[in-house]
PDB file of all heavy atoms in Angstrom:
ATOM      1  N   TYR A   1      91.623  84.394 119.425  1.00  0.00           N
ATOM      2  CA  TYR A   1      91.849  85.066 118.162  1.00  0.00           C
ATOM      3  C   TYR A   1      92.242  86.555 118.283  1.00  0.00           C
ATOM      4  O   TYR A   1      92.584  87.195 117.352  1.00  0.00           O
ATOM      5  CB  TYR A   1      90.600  85.000 117.261  1.00  0.00           C
ATOM      6  CG  TYR A   1      90.205  83.584 116.867  1.00  0.00           C
ATOM      7  CD1 TYR A   1      88.883  83.108 117.040  1.00  0.00           C
ATOM      8  CD2 TYR A   1      91.178  82.695 116.383  1.00  0.00           C
ATOM      9  CE1 TYR A   1      88.555  81.829 116.669  1.00  0.00           C
ATOM     10  CE2 TYR A   1      90.806  81.426 116.033  1.00  0.00           C
ATOM     11  CZ  TYR A   1      89.510  80.988 116.212  1.00  0.00           C
ATOM     12  OH  TYR A   1      89.131  79.679 115.852  1.00  0.00           O
ATOM     13  N   PHE A   2      92.194  87.044 119.534  1.00  0.00           N
ATOM     14  CA  PHE A   2      92.490  88.436 119.791  1.00  0.00           C
ATOM     15  C   PHE A   2      93.898  88.795 119.303  1.00  0.00           C
ATOM     16  O   PHE A   2      94.093  89.815 118.622  1.00  0.00           O
ATOM     17  CB  PHE A   2      92.377  88.780 121.282  1.00  0.00           C
ATOM     18  CG  PHE A   2      91.805  90.093 121.600  1.00  0.00           C
ATOM     19  CD1 PHE A   2      90.443  90.270 121.687  1.00  0.00           C
ATOM     20  CD2 PHE A   2      92.606  91.199 121.786  1.00  0.00           C
ATOM     21  CE1 PHE A   2      89.870  91.543 121.956  1.00  0.00           C
ATOM     22  CE2 PHE A   2      92.128  92.437 122.061  1.00  0.00           C
ATOM     23  CZ  PHE A   2      90.699  92.624 122.167  1.00  0.00           C
ATOM     24  N   PRO A   3      94.941  87.996 119.634  1.00  0.00           N
ATOM     25  CA  PRO A   3      96.254  88.332 119.112  1.00  0.00           C
ATOM     26  C   PRO A   3      96.380  88.339 117.588  1.00  0.00           C
ATOM     27  O   PRO A   3      97.084  89.112 116.969  1.00  0.00           O
ATOM     28  CB  PRO A   3      97.203  87.253 119.699  1.00  0.00           C
ATOM     29  CG  PRO A   3      96.441  86.807 120.923  1.00  0.00           C
ATOM     30  CD  PRO A   3      94.964  86.893 120.577  1.00  0.00           C
ATOM     31  N   LEU A   4      95.629  87.416 116.972  1.00  0.00           N
ATOM     32  CA  LEU A   4      95.626  87.421 115.506  1.00  0.00           C
ATOM     33  C   LEU A   4      95.034  88.703 114.944  1.00  0.00           C
ATOM     34  O   LEU A   4      95.596  89.225 113.970  1.00  0.00           O
ATOM     35  CB  LEU A   4      94.722  86.217 115.030  1.00  0.00           C
ATOM     36  CG  LEU A   4      94.523  86.100 113.513  1.00  0.00           C
ATOM     37  CD1 LEU A   4      95.873  85.952 112.765  1.00  0.00           C
ATOM     38  CD2 LEU A   4      93.541  84.969 113.150  1.00  0.00           C
ATOM     39  N   ALA A   5      93.991  89.209 115.565  1.00  0.00           N
ATOM     40  CA  ALA A   5      93.400  90.513 115.137  1.00  0.00           C
ATOM     41  C   ALA A   5      94.444  91.619 115.252  1.00  0.00           C
ATOM     42  O   ALA A   5      94.535  92.479 114.396  1.00  0.00           O
ATOM     43  CB  ALA A   5      92.135  90.798 115.936  1.00  0.00           C
ATOM     44  N   ILE A   6      95.185  91.596 116.357  1.00  0.00           N
ATOM     45  CA  ILE A   6      96.214  92.647 116.565  1.00  0.00           C
ATOM     46  C   ILE A   6      97.287  92.636 115.497  1.00  0.00           C
ATOM     47  O   ILE A   6      97.700  93.617 114.969  1.00  0.00           O
ATOM     48  CB  ILE A   6      96.826  92.460 117.972  1.00  0.00           C
ATOM     49  CG1 ILE A   6      95.801  92.790 119.036  1.00  0.00           C
ATOM     50  CG2 ILE A   6      98.087  93.353 118.130  1.00  0.00           C
ATOM     51  CD1 ILE A   6      96.304  92.474 120.457  1.00  0.00           C
ATOM     52  N   VAL A   7      97.743  91.390 115.118  1.00  0.00           N
ATOM     53  CA  VAL A   7      98.823  91.260 114.117  1.00  0.00           C
ATOM     54  C   VAL A   7      98.274  91.730 112.774  1.00  0.00           C
ATOM     55  O   VAL A   7      98.956  92.496 112.080  1.00  0.00           O
ATOM     56  CB  VAL A   7      99.201  89.774 114.008  1.00  0.00           C
ATOM     57  CG1 VAL A   7     100.163  89.582 112.815  1.00  0.00           C
ATOM     58  CG2 VAL A   7      99.955  89.352 115.306  1.00  0.00           C
ATOM     59  N   ILE A   8      97.045  91.328 112.384  1.00  0.00           N
ATOM     60  CA  ILE A   8      96.485  91.756 111.098  1.00  0.00           C
ATOM     61  C   ILE A   8      96.309  93.268 111.062  1.00  0.00           C
ATOM     62  O   ILE A   8      96.641  93.927 110.065  1.00  0.00           O
ATOM     63  CB  ILE A   8      95.154  91.029 110.826  1.00  0.00           C
ATOM     64  CG1 ILE A   8      95.322  89.531 110.801  1.00  0.00           C
ATOM     65  CG2 ILE A   8      94.541  91.524 109.497  1.00  0.00           C
ATOM     66  CD1 ILE A   8      93.971  88.782 110.710  1.00  0.00           C
ATOM     67  N   GLN A   9      95.840  93.836 112.156  1.00  0.00           N
ATOM     68  CA  GLN A   9      95.595  95.285 112.183  1.00  0.00           C
ATOM     69  C   GLN A   9      96.921  96.003 112.179  1.00  0.00           C
ATOM     70  O   GLN A   9      96.989  97.076 111.518  1.00  0.00           O
ATOM     71  CB  GLN A   9      94.825  95.694 113.414  1.00  0.00           C
ATOM     72  CG  GLN A   9      94.550  97.191 113.448  1.00  0.00           C
ATOM     73  CD  GLN A   9      93.599  97.618 114.537  1.00  0.00           C
ATOM     74  OE1 GLN A   9      92.947  96.773 115.167  1.00  0.00           O
ATOM     75  NE2 GLN A   9      93.421  98.912 114.785  1.00  0.00           N
ATOM     76  N   ALA A  10      97.941  95.485 112.792  1.00  0.00           N
ATOM     77  CA  ALA A  10      99.299  96.132 112.763  1.00  0.00           C
ATOM     78  C   ALA A  10      99.779  96.156 111.322  1.00  0.00           C
ATOM     79  O   ALA A  10     100.364  97.224 110.855  1.00  0.00           O
ATOM     80  CB  ALA A  10     100.254  95.401 113.668  1.00  0.00           C
ATOM     81  N   MET A  11      99.636  95.065 110.541  1.00  0.00           N
ATOM     82  CA  MET A  11     100.056  95.048 109.190  1.00  0.00           C
ATOM     83  C   MET A  11      99.274  96.032 108.363  1.00  0.00           C
ATOM     84  O   MET A  11      99.875  96.771 107.517  1.00  0.00           O
ATOM     85  CB  MET A  11      99.883  93.657 108.606  1.00  0.00           C
ATOM     86  CG  MET A  11     100.813  92.616 109.101  1.00  0.00           C
ATOM     87  SD  MET A  11     100.793  91.088 108.128  1.00  0.00           S
ATOM     88  CE  MET A  11      99.043  90.640 108.206  1.00  0.00           C
ATOM     89  N   LEU A  12      97.963  96.095 108.516  1.00  0.00           N
ATOM     90  CA  LEU A  12      97.164  96.977 107.748  1.00  0.00           C
ATOM     91  C   LEU A  12      97.502  98.452 108.038  1.00  0.00           C
ATOM     92  O   LEU A  12      97.666  99.260 107.126  1.00  0.00           O
ATOM     93  CB  LEU A  12      95.679  96.751 108.039  1.00  0.00           C
ATOM     94  CG  LEU A  12      94.688  97.734 107.421  1.00  0.00           C
ATOM     95  CD1 LEU A  12      94.677  97.566 105.902  1.00  0.00           C
ATOM     96  CD2 LEU A  12      93.269  97.478 107.986  1.00  0.00           C
ATOM     97  N   THR A  13      97.608  98.777 109.336  1.00  0.00           N
ATOM     98  CA  THR A  13      97.922 100.160 109.713  1.00  0.00           C
ATOM     99  C   THR A  13      99.280 100.601 109.245  1.00  0.00           C
ATOM    100  O   THR A  13      99.430 101.719 108.758  1.00  0.00           O
ATOM    101  CB  THR A  13      97.844 100.255 111.238  1.00  0.00           C
ATOM    102  OG1 THR A  13      96.596  99.695 111.716  1.00  0.00           O
ATOM    103  CG2 THR A  13      97.886 101.719 111.710  1.00  0.00           C
ATOM    104  N   ALA A  14     100.263  99.702 109.373  1.00  0.00           N
ATOM    105  CA  ALA A  14     101.612 100.052 108.882  1.00  0.00           C
ATOM    106  C   ALA A  14     101.563 100.241 107.364  1.00  0.00           C
ATOM    107  O   ALA A  14     102.195 101.191 106.854  1.00  0.00           O
ATOM    108  CB  ALA A  14     102.562  98.939 109.247  1.00  0.00           C
ATOM    109  N   GLY A  15     100.881  99.362 106.649  1.00  0.00           N
ATOM    110  CA  GLY A  15     100.816  99.487 105.173  1.00  0.00           C
ATOM    111  C   GLY A  15     100.179 100.815 104.745  1.00  0.00           C
ATOM    112  O   GLY A  15     100.714 101.518 103.867  1.00  0.00           O
ATOM    113  N   VAL A  16      99.035 101.147 105.333  1.00  0.00           N
ATOM    114  CA  VAL A  16      98.369 102.427 104.980  1.00  0.00           C
ATOM    115  C   VAL A  16      99.203 103.601 105.403  1.00  0.00           C
ATOM    116  O   VAL A  16      99.322 104.598 104.631  1.00  0.00           O
ATOM    117  CB  VAL A  16      96.959 102.491 105.591  1.00  0.00           C
ATOM    118  CG1 VAL A  16      96.312 103.820 105.335  1.00  0.00           C
ATOM    119  CG2 VAL A  16      96.102 101.340 105.137  1.00  0.00           C
ATOM    120  N   GLY A  17      99.854 103.506 106.541  1.00  0.00           N
ATOM    121  CA  GLY A  17     100.708 104.602 107.004  1.00  0.00           C
ATOM    122  C   GLY A  17     101.937 104.839 106.091  1.00  0.00           C
ATOM    123  O   GLY A  17     102.242 105.963 105.780  1.00  0.00           O
ATOM    124  N   LEU A  18     102.531 103.751 105.610  1.00  0.00           N
ATOM    125  CA  LEU A  18     103.654 103.883 104.734  1.00  0.00           C
ATOM    126  C   LEU A  18     103.257 104.420 103.373  1.00  0.00           C
ATOM    127  O   LEU A  18     104.059 105.006 102.652  1.00  0.00           O
ATOM    128  CB  LEU A  18     104.358 102.487 104.524  1.00  0.00           C
ATOM    129  CG  LEU A  18     105.121 101.915 105.721  1.00  0.00           C
ATOM    130  CD1 LEU A  18     105.466 100.495 105.532  1.00  0.00           C
ATOM    131  CD2 LEU A  18     106.366 102.800 106.007  1.00  0.00           C
ATOM    132  N   LEU A  19     102.002 104.190 102.997  1.00  0.00           N
ATOM    133  CA  LEU A  19     101.489 104.728 101.749  1.00  0.00           C
ATOM    134  C   LEU A  19     101.106 106.212 101.829  1.00  0.00           C
ATOM    135  O   LEU A  19     101.454 107.019 100.961  1.00  0.00           O
ATOM    136  CB  LEU A  19     100.218 103.923 101.373  1.00  0.00           C
ATOM    137  CG  LEU A  19      99.546 104.211 100.021  1.00  0.00           C
ATOM    138  CD1 LEU A  19     100.527 103.838  98.873  1.00  0.00           C
ATOM    139  CD2 LEU A  19      98.285 103.376  99.918  1.00  0.00           C
ATOM    140  N   VAL A  20     100.565 106.586 102.966  1.00  0.00           N
ATOM    141  CA  VAL A  20     100.083 107.972 103.158  1.00  0.00           C
ATOM    142  C   VAL A  20     101.206 108.949 103.483  1.00  0.00           C
ATOM    143  O   VAL A  20     101.303 110.019 102.921  1.00  0.00           O
ATOM    144  CB  VAL A  20      99.019 108.009 104.295  1.00  0.00           C
ATOM    145  CG1 VAL A  20      98.765 109.462 104.703  1.00  0.00           C
ATOM    146  CG2 VAL A  20      97.760 107.356 103.851  1.00  0.00           C
ATOM    147  N   ALA A  21     102.140 108.527 104.379  1.00  0.00           N
ATOM    148  CA  ALA A  21     103.169 109.472 104.886  1.00  0.00           C
ATOM    149  C   ALA A  21     103.971 110.138 103.794  1.00  0.00           C
ATOM    150  O   ALA A  21     104.113 111.369 103.785  1.00  0.00           O
ATOM    151  CB  ALA A  21     104.079 108.704 105.849  1.00  0.00           C
ATOM    152  N   PRO A  22     104.538 109.406 102.832  1.00  0.00           N
ATOM    153  CA  PRO A  22     105.322 110.129 101.765  1.00  0.00           C
ATOM    154  C   PRO A  22     104.495 110.926 100.801  1.00  0.00           C
ATOM    155  O   PRO A  22     104.909 111.939 100.322  1.00  0.00           O
ATOM    156  CB  PRO A  22     106.062 108.987 101.073  1.00  0.00           C
ATOM    157  CG  PRO A  22     105.231 107.759 101.320  1.00  0.00           C
ATOM    158  CD  PRO A  22     104.604 107.939 102.623  1.00  0.00           C
ATOM    159  N   LEU A  23     103.276 110.444 100.500  1.00  0.00           N
ATOM    160  CA  LEU A  23     102.438 111.098  99.499  1.00  0.00           C
ATOM    161  C   LEU A  23     101.989 112.503 100.013  1.00  0.00           C
ATOM    162  O   LEU A  23     101.805 113.402  99.234  1.00  0.00           O
ATOM    163  CB  LEU A  23     101.217 110.240  99.162  1.00  0.00           C
ATOM    164  CG  LEU A  23     101.541 108.967  98.425  1.00  0.00           C
ATOM    165  CD1 LEU A  23     100.281 108.194  98.095  1.00  0.00           C
ATOM    166  CD2 LEU A  23     102.309 109.195  97.130  1.00  0.00           C
ATOM    167  N   VAL A  24     101.748 112.576 101.335  1.00  0.00           N
ATOM    168  CA  VAL A  24     101.334 113.898 101.881  1.00  0.00           C
ATOM    169  C   VAL A  24     102.419 114.965 101.684  1.00  0.00           C
ATOM    170  O   VAL A  24     102.099 116.143 101.553  1.00  0.00           O
ATOM    171  CB  VAL A  24     100.999 113.697 103.392  1.00  0.00           C
ATOM    172  CG1 VAL A  24     100.746 115.076 104.036  1.00  0.00           C
ATOM    173  CG2 VAL A  24      99.760 112.863 103.566  1.00  0.00           C
ATOM    174  N   VAL A  25     103.653 114.541 101.686  1.00  0.00           N
ATOM    175  CA  VAL A  25     104.797 115.487 101.450  1.00  0.00           C
ATOM    176  C   VAL A  25     104.657 116.172 100.126  1.00  0.00           C
ATOM    177  O   VAL A  25     104.905 117.391  99.980  1.00  0.00           O
ATOM    178  CB  VAL A  25     106.158 114.740 101.558  1.00  0.00           C
ATOM    179  CG1 VAL A  25     107.298 115.712 101.221  1.00  0.00           C
ATOM    180  CG2 VAL A  25     106.334 114.165 102.927  1.00  0.00           C
ATOM    181  N   PHE A  26     104.199 115.463  99.095  1.00  0.00           N
ATOM    182  CA  PHE A  26     104.018 116.007  97.733  1.00  0.00           C
ATOM    183  C   PHE A  26     102.671 116.671  97.535  1.00  0.00           C
ATOM    184  O   PHE A  26     102.528 117.601  96.754  1.00  0.00           O
ATOM    185  CB  PHE A  26     104.273 114.934  96.691  1.00  0.00           C
ATOM    186  CG  PHE A  26     105.582 114.205  96.852  1.00  0.00           C
ATOM    187  CD1 PHE A  26     105.609 112.891  97.259  1.00  0.00           C
ATOM    188  CD2 PHE A  26     106.772 114.830  96.653  1.00  0.00           C
ATOM    189  CE1 PHE A  26     106.800 112.191  97.384  1.00  0.00           C
ATOM    190  CE2 PHE A  26     107.990 114.183  96.819  1.00  0.00           C
ATOM    191  CZ  PHE A  26     108.009 112.853  97.198  1.00  0.00           C
ATOM    192  N   PHE A  27     101.656 116.118  98.190  1.00  0.00           N
ATOM    193  CA  PHE A  27     100.305 116.586  98.029  1.00  0.00           C
ATOM    194  C   PHE A  27      99.763 116.935  99.387  1.00  0.00           C
ATOM    195  O   PHE A  27      99.137 116.079 100.068  1.00  0.00           O
ATOM    196  CB  PHE A  27      99.421 115.521  97.356  1.00  0.00           C
ATOM    197  CG  PHE A  27     100.025 114.946  96.088  1.00  0.00           C
ATOM    198  CD1 PHE A  27     100.638 113.656  96.148  1.00  0.00           C
ATOM    199  CD2 PHE A  27     100.016 115.647  94.890  1.00  0.00           C
ATOM    200  CE1 PHE A  27     101.169 113.141  95.001  1.00  0.00           C
ATOM    201  CE2 PHE A  27     100.549 115.098  93.763  1.00  0.00           C
ATOM    202  CZ  PHE A  27     101.184 113.866  93.792  1.00  0.00           C
ATOM    203  N   ARG A  28      99.933 118.191  99.787  1.00  0.00           N
ATOM    204  CA  ARG A  28      99.597 118.621 101.158  1.00  0.00           C
ATOM    205  C   ARG A  28      98.068 118.497 101.433  1.00  0.00           C
ATOM    206  O   ARG A  28      97.641 118.296 102.556  1.00  0.00           O
ATOM    207  CB  ARG A  28     100.078 120.001 101.432  1.00  0.00           C
ATOM    208  CG  ARG A  28     101.600 120.192 101.305  1.00  0.00           C
ATOM    209  CD  ARG A  28     102.342 119.363 102.281  1.00  0.00           C
ATOM    210  NE  ARG A  28     103.793 119.331 102.042  1.00  0.00           N
ATOM    211  CZ  ARG A  28     104.645 120.189 102.594  1.00  0.00           C
ATOM    212  NH1 ARG A  28     104.214 121.137 103.405  1.00  0.00           N
ATOM    213  NH2 ARG A  28     105.909 120.080 102.315  1.00  0.00           N
ATOM    214  N   ASP A  29      97.254 118.661 100.391  1.00  0.00           N
ATOM    215  CA  ASP A  29      95.814 118.542 100.534  1.00  0.00           C
ATOM    216  C   ASP A  29      95.381 117.156 100.928  1.00  0.00           C
ATOM    217  O   ASP A  29      94.238 116.914 101.440  1.00  0.00           O
ATOM    218  CB  ASP A  29      95.070 118.953  99.258  1.00  0.00           C
ATOM    219  CG  ASP A  29      95.145 120.479  99.052  1.00  0.00           C
ATOM    220  OD1 ASP A  29      95.421 121.183  99.988  1.00  0.00           O
ATOM    221  OD2 ASP A  29      94.857 120.856  97.887  1.00  0.00           O
ATOM    222  N   LEU A  30      96.282 116.179 100.733  1.00  0.00           N
ATOM    223  CA  LEU A  30      95.964 114.802 101.062  1.00  0.00           C
ATOM    224  C   LEU A  30      95.701 114.595 102.538  1.00  0.00           C
ATOM    225  O   LEU A  30      94.944 113.764 102.931  1.00  0.00           O
ATOM    226  CB  LEU A  30      97.095 113.886 100.596  1.00  0.00           C
ATOM    227  CG  LEU A  30      96.857 112.355 100.709  1.00  0.00           C
ATOM    228  CD1 LEU A  30      95.632 111.955  99.934  1.00  0.00           C
ATOM    229  CD2 LEU A  30      98.086 111.602 100.235  1.00  0.00           C
ATOM    230  N   GLU A  31      96.324 115.473 103.374  1.00  0.00           N
ATOM    231  CA  GLU A  31      96.153 115.376 104.814  1.00  0.00           C
ATOM    232  C   GLU A  31      94.662 115.571 105.169  1.00  0.00           C
ATOM    233  O   GLU A  31      94.095 114.821 105.962  1.00  0.00           O
ATOM    234  CB  GLU A  31      96.997 116.368 105.531  1.00  0.00           C
ATOM    235  CG  GLU A  31      96.879 116.301 107.062  1.00  0.00           C
ATOM    236  CD  GLU A  31      97.795 117.308 107.781  1.00  0.00           C
ATOM    237  OE1 GLU A  31      98.638 117.912 107.126  1.00  0.00           O
ATOM    238  OE2 GLU A  31      97.582 117.486 109.000  1.00  0.00           O
ATOM    239  N   ARG A  32      94.046 116.613 104.562  1.00  0.00           N
ATOM    240  CA  ARG A  32      92.625 116.820 104.797  1.00  0.00           C
ATOM    241  C   ARG A  32      91.781 115.760 104.183  1.00  0.00           C
ATOM    242  O   ARG A  32      90.745 115.337 104.726  1.00  0.00           O
ATOM    243  CB  ARG A  32      92.219 118.194 104.278  1.00  0.00           C
ATOM    244  CG  ARG A  32      92.872 119.383 104.980  1.00  0.00           C
ATOM    245  CD  ARG A  32      92.370 120.697 104.469  1.00  0.00           C
ATOM    246  NE  ARG A  32      92.981 121.810 105.208  1.00  0.00           N
ATOM    247  CZ  ARG A  32      92.702 123.070 104.993  1.00  0.00           C
ATOM    248  NH1 ARG A  32      91.788 123.407 104.060  1.00  0.00           N
ATOM    249  NH2 ARG A  32      93.286 124.013 105.688  1.00  0.00           N
ATOM    250  N   ALA A  33      92.182 115.287 103.015  1.00  0.00           N
ATOM    251  CA  ALA A  33      91.456 114.197 102.348  1.00  0.00           C
ATOM    252  C   ALA A  33      91.424 112.946 103.149  1.00  0.00           C
ATOM    253  O   ALA A  33      90.373 112.247 103.271  1.00  0.00           O
ATOM    254  CB  ALA A  33      92.069 113.897 100.977  1.00  0.00           C
ATOM    255  N   VAL A  34      92.532 112.635 103.787  1.00  0.00           N
ATOM    256  CA  VAL A  34      92.667 111.415 104.669  1.00  0.00           C
ATOM    257  C   VAL A  34      91.672 111.542 105.832  1.00  0.00           C
ATOM    258  O   VAL A  34      90.997 110.569 106.249  1.00  0.00           O
ATOM    259  CB  VAL A  34      94.079 111.216 105.180  1.00  0.00           C
ATOM    260  CG1 VAL A  34      94.165 110.199 106.289  1.00  0.00           C
ATOM    261  CG2 VAL A  34      95.006 110.767 104.003  1.00  0.00           C
ATOM    262  N   LYS A  35      91.551 112.743 106.425  1.00  0.00           N
ATOM    263  CA  LYS A  35      90.641 112.935 107.554  1.00  0.00           C
ATOM    264  C   LYS A  35      89.205 112.670 107.097  1.00  0.00           C
ATOM    265  O   LYS A  35      88.415 112.072 107.865  1.00  0.00           O
ATOM    266  CB  LYS A  35      90.777 114.363 108.129  1.00  0.00           C
ATOM    267  CG  LYS A  35      92.105 114.635 108.830  1.00  0.00           C
ATOM    268  CD  LYS A  35      92.177 116.053 109.386  1.00  0.00           C
ATOM    269  CE  LYS A  35      93.477 116.280 110.080  1.00  0.00           C
ATOM    270  NZ  LYS A  35      93.579 117.673 110.614  1.00  0.00           N
ATOM    271  N   LEU A  36      88.834 113.163 105.899  1.00  0.00           N
ATOM    272  CA  LEU A  36      87.499 112.912 105.365  1.00  0.00           C
ATOM    273  C   LEU A  36      87.265 111.425 105.121  1.00  0.00           C
ATOM    274  O   LEU A  36      86.184 110.889 105.435  1.00  0.00           O
ATOM    275  CB  LEU A  36      87.271 113.710 104.087  1.00  0.00           C
ATOM    276  CG  LEU A  36      87.208 115.225 104.268  1.00  0.00           C
ATOM    277  CD1 LEU A  36      87.059 115.924 102.907  1.00  0.00           C
ATOM    278  CD2 LEU A  36      85.978 115.617 105.153  1.00  0.00           C
ATOM    279  N   ILE A  37      88.274 110.762 104.573  1.00  0.00           N
ATOM    280  CA  ILE A  37      88.144 109.365 104.300  1.00  0.00           C
ATOM    281  C   ILE A  37      88.003 108.558 105.560  1.00  0.00           C
ATOM    282  O   ILE A  37      87.235 107.594 105.658  1.00  0.00           O
ATOM    283  CB  ILE A  37      89.387 108.858 103.500  1.00  0.00           C
ATOM    284  CG1 ILE A  37      89.425 109.496 102.121  1.00  0.00           C
ATOM    285  CG2 ILE A  37      89.421 107.300 103.398  1.00  0.00           C
ATOM    286  CD1 ILE A  37      90.704 109.212 101.309  1.00  0.00           C
ATOM    287  N   LEU A  38      88.748 108.897 106.617  1.00  0.00           N
ATOM    288  CA  LEU A  38      88.670 108.206 107.917  1.00  0.00           C
ATOM    289  C   LEU A  38      87.307 108.402 108.499  1.00  0.00           C
ATOM    290  O   LEU A  38      86.702 107.510 109.130  1.00  0.00           O
ATOM    291  CB  LEU A  38      89.734 108.725 108.837  1.00  0.00           C
ATOM    292  CG  LEU A  38      91.186 108.260 108.543  1.00  0.00           C
ATOM    293  CD1 LEU A  38      92.193 108.969 109.460  1.00  0.00           C
ATOM    294  CD2 LEU A  38      91.291 106.751 108.709  1.00  0.00           C
ATOM    295  N   ARG A  39      86.740 109.649 108.361  1.00  0.00           N
ATOM    296  CA  ARG A  39      85.377 109.915 108.878  1.00  0.00           C
ATOM    297  C   ARG A  39      84.336 109.068 108.171  1.00  0.00           C
ATOM    298  O   ARG A  39      83.459 108.505 108.800  1.00  0.00           O
ATOM    299  CB  ARG A  39      85.048 111.396 108.700  1.00  0.00           C
ATOM    300  CG  ARG A  39      83.768 111.805 109.444  1.00  0.00           C
ATOM    301  CD  ARG A  39      83.608 113.319 109.317  1.00  0.00           C
ATOM    302  NE  ARG A  39      84.724 114.080 109.824  1.00  0.00           N
ATOM    303  CZ  ARG A  39      84.913 115.377 109.644  1.00  0.00           C
ATOM    304  NH1 ARG A  39      83.999 116.055 108.975  1.00  0.00           N
ATOM    305  NH2 ARG A  39      85.960 115.982 110.130  1.00  0.00           N
ATOM    306  N   PHE A  40      84.491 108.920 106.841  1.00  0.00           N
ATOM    307  CA  PHE A  40      83.586 108.067 106.094  1.00  0.00           C
ATOM    308  C   PHE A  40      83.794 106.623 106.461  1.00  0.00           C
ATOM    309  O   PHE A  40      82.784 105.876 106.633  1.00  0.00           O
ATOM    310  CB  PHE A  40      83.835 108.249 104.571  1.00  0.00           C
ATOM    311  CG  PHE A  40      83.177 107.232 103.743  1.00  0.00           C
ATOM    312  CD1 PHE A  40      81.846 107.289 103.399  1.00  0.00           C
ATOM    313  CD2 PHE A  40      83.950 106.175 103.229  1.00  0.00           C
ATOM    314  CE1 PHE A  40      81.258 106.301 102.627  1.00  0.00           C
ATOM    315  CE2 PHE A  40      83.357 105.186 102.460  1.00  0.00           C
ATOM    316  CZ  PHE A  40      81.994 105.239 102.171  1.00  0.00           C
ATOM    317  N   LEU A  41      85.058 106.217 106.662  1.00  0.00           N
ATOM    318  CA  LEU A  41      85.350 104.838 106.945  1.00  0.00           C
ATOM    319  C   LEU A  41      84.775 104.407 108.314  1.00  0.00           C
ATOM    320  O   LEU A  41      84.452 103.266 108.522  1.00  0.00           O
ATOM    321  CB  LEU A  41      86.852 104.593 106.958  1.00  0.00           C
ATOM    322  CG  LEU A  41      87.363 103.177 106.963  1.00  0.00           C
ATOM    323  CD1 LEU A  41      86.843 102.386 105.818  1.00  0.00           C
ATOM    324  CD2 LEU A  41      88.859 103.131 107.021  1.00  0.00           C
ATOM    325  N   PHE A  42      84.702 105.371 109.231  1.00  0.00           N
ATOM    326  CA  PHE A  42      84.112 105.050 110.558  1.00  0.00           C
ATOM    327  C   PHE A  42      82.710 104.500 110.431  1.00  0.00           C
ATOM    328  O   PHE A  42      82.335 103.525 111.007  1.00  0.00           O
ATOM    329  CB  PHE A  42      84.130 106.306 111.442  1.00  0.00           C
ATOM    330  CG  PHE A  42      83.435 106.105 112.741  1.00  0.00           C
ATOM    331  CD1 PHE A  42      84.094 105.561 113.832  1.00  0.00           C
ATOM    332  CD2 PHE A  42      82.106 106.447 112.926  1.00  0.00           C
ATOM    333  CE1 PHE A  42      83.482 105.376 115.058  1.00  0.00           C
ATOM    334  CE2 PHE A  42      81.420 106.292 114.151  1.00  0.00           C
ATOM    335  CZ  PHE A  42      82.162 105.712 115.211  1.00  0.00           C
ATOM    336  N   TYR A  43      81.888 105.172 109.571  1.00  0.00           N
ATOM    337  CA  TYR A  43      80.484 104.758 109.401  1.00  0.00           C
ATOM    338  C   TYR A  43      80.365 103.599 108.436  1.00  0.00           C
ATOM    339  O   TYR A  43      79.354 102.854 108.474  1.00  0.00           O
ATOM    340  CB  TYR A  43      79.663 105.962 108.949  1.00  0.00           C
ATOM    341  CG  TYR A  43      79.530 107.021 110.023  1.00  0.00           C
ATOM    342  CD1 TYR A  43      80.287 108.194 109.922  1.00  0.00           C
ATOM    343  CD2 TYR A  43      78.720 106.859 111.100  1.00  0.00           C
ATOM    344  CE1 TYR A  43      80.192 109.154 110.911  1.00  0.00           C
ATOM    345  CE2 TYR A  43      78.583 107.845 112.105  1.00  0.00           C
ATOM    346  CZ  TYR A  43      79.335 108.990 112.012  1.00  0.00           C
ATOM    347  OH  TYR A  43      79.308 109.927 112.974  1.00  0.00           O
ATOM    348  N   ALA A  44      81.373 103.423 107.558  1.00  0.00           N
ATOM    349  CA  ALA A  44      81.307 102.349 106.635  1.00  0.00           C
ATOM    350  C   ALA A  44      81.882 101.036 107.223  1.00  0.00           C
ATOM    351  O   ALA A  44      81.819  99.963 106.587  1.00  0.00           O
ATOM    352  CB  ALA A  44      82.156 102.685 105.403  1.00  0.00           C
TER     353      ALA A  44
END
């Protein structure tokens, strides 16, 4: 199932990346907000 996990994670990471990348251009504070969210997500 390891390759399946890689495929699912690639889809998820690409989707979140495509969502975040353009929005940061308009809302620069979002870069710091993403770091905080990632820190919370690590423990969650």
